[in-house]
Amino acid sequence: MMEIEPPQVEDTPHQQAVINVQNAARVQEMQAAISNRTQELHILPELVPNVLGIWNMQRMKYGRVYHHQQSTKD
């Protein structure tokens, strides 16, 4: 995950999440490779790590996922 979301990625000037599409495609490829290999080894799907979840946790660690605050206007 460090290779996909390195800590030196520049911060965005606004409070929106930014996703690099190439990184997202790599995450999908990694998940497919892991899933295929675990099927070959007859490992239960419940035991297969969720790469997308791990990626998002790593992004949160480095502040790349922002929670949008909704402002209410009276």
N, C-alpha and C. Protein backbone atom coordinates (compact mmCIF):
# COMPACT_ATOMS: atom_id res chain seq x y z
N MET A 1 0.82 -1.19 0.00
CA MET A 1 0.00 0.00 0.00
C MET A 1 0.87 1.25 0.00
N MET A 2 2.03 1.19 0.61
CA MET A 2 2.90 2.36 0.63
C MET A 2 3.31 2.74 -0.79
N GLU A 3 3.46 1.75 -1.65
CA GLU A 3 3.83 2.02 -3.03
C GLU A 3 2.70 2.74 -3.76
N ILE A 4 1.47 2.42 -3.42
CA ILE A 4 0.32 3.02 -4.08
C ILE A 4 0.00 4.39 -3.50
N GLU A 5 0.10 4.55 -2.21
CA GLU A 5 -0.21 5.82 -1.55
C GLU A 5 0.99 6.28 -0.72
N PRO A 6 2.04 6.75 -1.37
CA PRO A 6 3.21 7.18 -0.61
C PRO A 6 2.93 8.43 0.21
N PRO A 7 3.61 8.62 1.33
CA PRO A 7 3.34 9.77 2.20
C PRO A 7 3.73 11.10 1.57
N GLN A 8 4.57 11.10 0.53
CA GLN A 8 5.02 12.37 -0.03
C GLN A 8 4.11 12.91 -1.13
N VAL A 9 2.95 12.33 -1.33
CA VAL A 9 2.00 12.85 -2.31
C VAL A 9 1.56 14.24 -1.87
N GLU A 10 1.50 15.16 -2.82
CA GLU A 10 1.15 16.53 -2.48
C GLU A 10 -0.29 16.62 -1.98
N ASP A 11 -0.49 17.48 -1.00
CA ASP A 11 -1.83 17.73 -0.49
C ASP A 11 -2.60 18.58 -1.48
N THR A 12 -3.90 18.43 -1.47
CA THR A 12 -4.74 19.24 -2.34
C THR A 12 -5.08 20.55 -1.64
N PRO A 13 -5.25 21.63 -2.38
CA PRO A 13 -5.55 22.91 -1.75
C PRO A 13 -6.99 23.04 -1.27
N HIS A 14 -7.81 22.07 -1.57
CA HIS A 14 -9.21 22.11 -1.16
C HIS A 14 -9.53 20.86 -0.36
N GLN A 15 -10.65 20.87 0.31
CA GLN A 15 -11.02 19.76 1.18
C GLN A 15 -11.87 18.73 0.43
N GLN A 16 -11.32 18.18 -0.62
CA GLN A 16 -12.00 17.13 -1.36
C GLN A 16 -11.05 15.96 -1.51
N ALA A 17 -11.61 14.78 -1.55
CA ALA A 17 -10.79 13.59 -1.73
C ALA A 17 -10.35 13.53 -3.19
N VAL A 18 -9.11 13.18 -3.41
CA VAL A 18 -8.58 13.05 -4.76
C VAL A 18 -8.15 11.60 -4.93
N ILE A 19 -8.59 11.00 -6.02
CA ILE A 19 -8.24 9.61 -6.29
C ILE A 19 -7.47 9.55 -7.60
N ASN A 20 -6.31 8.98 -7.56
CA ASN A 20 -5.53 8.76 -8.77
C ASN A 20 -6.10 7.50 -9.43
N VAL A 21 -6.61 7.65 -10.64
CA VAL A 21 -7.28 6.55 -11.33
C VAL A 21 -6.32 5.40 -11.58
N GLN A 22 -5.07 5.70 -11.88
CA GLN A 22 -4.09 4.63 -12.09
C GLN A 22 -3.89 3.82 -10.82
N ASN A 23 -3.83 4.50 -9.68
CA ASN A 23 -3.69 3.79 -8.41
C ASN A 23 -4.92 2.93 -8.14
N ALA A 24 -6.10 3.45 -8.43
CA ALA A 24 -7.32 2.68 -8.23
C ALA A 24 -7.33 1.44 -9.11
N ALA A 25 -6.87 1.57 -10.35
CA ALA A 25 -6.81 0.42 -11.25
C ALA A 25 -5.82 -0.62 -10.73
N ARG A 26 -4.71 -0.17 -10.17
CA ARG A 26 -3.74 -1.11 -9.59
C ARG A 26 -4.32 -1.85 -8.40
N VAL A 27 -5.12 -1.15 -7.60
CA VAL A 27 -5.76 -1.79 -6.45
C VAL A 27 -6.71 -2.88 -6.94
N GLN A 28 -7.48 -2.60 -7.98
CA GLN A 28 -8.40 -3.60 -8.53
C GLN A 28 -7.62 -4.80 -9.06
N GLU A 29 -6.50 -4.55 -9.74
CA GLU A 29 -5.68 -5.65 -10.26
C GLU A 29 -5.12 -6.49 -9.12
N MET A 30 -4.68 -5.83 -8.05
CA MET A 30 -4.16 -6.55 -6.90
C MET A 30 -5.23 -7.43 -6.27
N GLN A 31 -6.45 -6.87 -6.13
CA GLN A 31 -7.54 -7.64 -5.53
C GLN A 31 -7.87 -8.86 -6.40
N ALA A 32 -7.90 -8.68 -7.72
CA ALA A 32 -8.19 -9.79 -8.62
C ALA A 32 -7.11 -10.87 -8.52
N ALA A 33 -5.86 -10.47 -8.46
CA ALA A 33 -4.76 -11.44 -8.35
C ALA A 33 -4.84 -12.20 -7.04
N ILE A 34 -5.12 -11.49 -5.95
CA ILE A 34 -5.25 -12.15 -4.64
C ILE A 34 -6.42 -13.11 -4.65
N SER A 35 -7.54 -12.68 -5.19
CA SER A 35 -8.74 -13.53 -5.22
C SER A 35 -8.50 -14.78 -6.05
N ASN A 36 -7.87 -14.63 -7.21
CA ASN A 36 -7.59 -15.79 -8.07
C ASN A 36 -6.67 -16.77 -7.36
N ARG A 37 -5.64 -16.26 -6.73
CA ARG A 37 -4.68 -17.14 -6.06
C ARG A 37 -5.33 -17.87 -4.89
N THR A 38 -6.16 -17.17 -4.13
CA THR A 38 -6.80 -17.82 -2.99
C THR A 38 -7.80 -18.88 -3.43
N GLN A 39 -8.43 -18.68 -4.60
CA GLN A 39 -9.32 -19.71 -5.13
C GLN A 39 -8.53 -20.96 -5.50
N GLU A 40 -7.35 -20.75 -6.10
CA GLU A 40 -6.49 -21.88 -6.46
C GLU A 40 -6.08 -22.67 -5.21
N LEU A 41 -5.88 -21.95 -4.12
CA LEU A 41 -5.45 -22.59 -2.87
C LEU A 41 -6.61 -23.05 -2.00
N HIS A 42 -7.84 -22.87 -2.50
CA HIS A 42 -9.06 -23.27 -1.79
C HIS A 42 -9.19 -22.58 -0.43
N ILE A 43 -8.91 -21.30 -0.42
CA ILE A 43 -9.06 -20.50 0.79
C ILE A 43 -10.44 -19.86 0.77
N LEU A 44 -11.10 -19.86 1.92
CA LEU A 44 -12.44 -19.27 2.00
C LEU A 44 -12.41 -17.79 1.62
N PRO A 45 -13.38 -17.33 0.84
CA PRO A 45 -13.42 -15.91 0.44
C PRO A 45 -13.45 -14.96 1.63
N GLU A 46 -14.03 -15.40 2.75
CA GLU A 46 -14.10 -14.55 3.94
C GLU A 46 -12.72 -14.24 4.51
N LEU A 47 -11.74 -15.06 4.19
CA LEU A 47 -10.39 -14.88 4.72
C LEU A 47 -9.50 -14.05 3.79
N VAL A 48 -10.03 -13.68 2.63
CA VAL A 48 -9.25 -12.92 1.66
C VAL A 48 -9.23 -11.45 2.07
N PRO A 49 -8.05 -10.84 2.14
CA PRO A 49 -8.01 -9.43 2.53
C PRO A 49 -8.68 -8.54 1.49
N ASN A 50 -9.30 -7.49 1.97
CA ASN A 50 -9.96 -6.52 1.11
C ASN A 50 -8.96 -5.41 0.83
N VAL A 51 -8.33 -5.47 -0.34
CA VAL A 51 -7.29 -4.51 -0.68
C VAL A 51 -7.85 -3.09 -0.74
N LEU A 52 -9.06 -2.94 -1.25
CA LEU A 52 -9.66 -1.61 -1.34
C LEU A 52 -9.83 -1.00 0.06
N GLY A 53 -10.26 -1.82 1.01
CA GLY A 53 -10.40 -1.33 2.38
C GLY A 53 -9.07 -0.92 2.97
N ILE A 54 -8.05 -1.72 2.74
CA ILE A 54 -6.71 -1.41 3.24
C ILE A 54 -6.19 -0.13 2.59
N TRP A 55 -6.44 0.02 1.29
CA TRP A 55 -6.00 1.22 0.57
C TRP A 55 -6.66 2.47 1.16
N ASN A 56 -7.96 2.38 1.41
CA ASN A 56 -8.66 3.53 1.97
C ASN A 56 -8.19 3.85 3.38
N MET A 57 -7.88 2.83 4.17
CA MET A 57 -7.34 3.09 5.51
C MET A 57 -6.00 3.80 5.41
N GLN A 58 -5.18 3.39 4.45
CA GLN A 58 -3.88 4.03 4.25
C GLN A 58 -4.06 5.48 3.81
N ARG A 59 -5.04 5.73 2.94
CA ARG A 59 -5.32 7.09 2.48
C ARG A 59 -5.79 7.95 3.65
N MET A 60 -6.60 7.38 4.54
CA MET A 60 -7.06 8.12 5.71
C MET A 60 -5.89 8.46 6.62
N LYS A 61 -4.96 7.52 6.75
CA LYS A 61 -3.79 7.74 7.60
C LYS A 61 -3.01 8.97 7.14
N TYR A 62 -2.91 9.15 5.84
CA TYR A 62 -2.16 10.28 5.30
C TYR A 62 -3.03 11.49 5.00
N GLY A 63 -4.28 11.45 5.44
CA GLY A 63 -5.15 12.60 5.27
C GLY A 63 -5.65 12.83 3.87
N ARG A 64 -5.76 11.76 3.08
CA ARG A 64 -6.20 11.90 1.70
C ARG A 64 -7.70 11.70 1.54
N VAL A 65 -8.36 11.32 2.62
CA VAL A 65 -9.81 11.17 2.60
C VAL A 65 -10.36 12.20 3.56
N TYR A 66 -11.21 13.05 3.07
CA TYR A 66 -11.77 14.11 3.89
C TYR A 66 -13.25 13.88 4.07
N HIS A 67 -13.73 14.20 5.23
CA HIS A 67 -15.17 14.15 5.49
C HIS A 67 -15.72 15.53 5.21
N HIS A 68 -16.69 15.59 4.31
CA HIS A 68 -17.27 16.87 3.94
C HIS A 68 -18.26 17.30 5.00
N GLN A 69 -18.15 18.54 5.42
CA GLN A 69 -19.10 19.08 6.39
C GLN A 69 -20.16 19.85 5.61
N GLN A 70 -21.39 19.51 5.87
CA GLN A 70 -22.48 20.21 5.20
C GLN A 70 -22.88 21.41 6.04
N SER A 71 -22.93 22.55 5.41
CA SER A 71 -23.36 23.74 6.14
C SER A 71 -24.84 23.96 5.88
N THR A 72 -25.53 24.33 6.92
CA THR A 72 -26.96 24.60 6.78
C THR A 72 -27.17 26.09 6.78
N LYS A 73 -27.95 26.55 5.83
CA LYS A 73 -28.24 27.98 5.74
C LYS A 73 -29.67 28.22 6.18
N ASP A 74 -29.85 29.15 7.08
CA ASP A 74 -31.19 29.47 7.59
C ASP A 74 -31.85 30.50 6.72
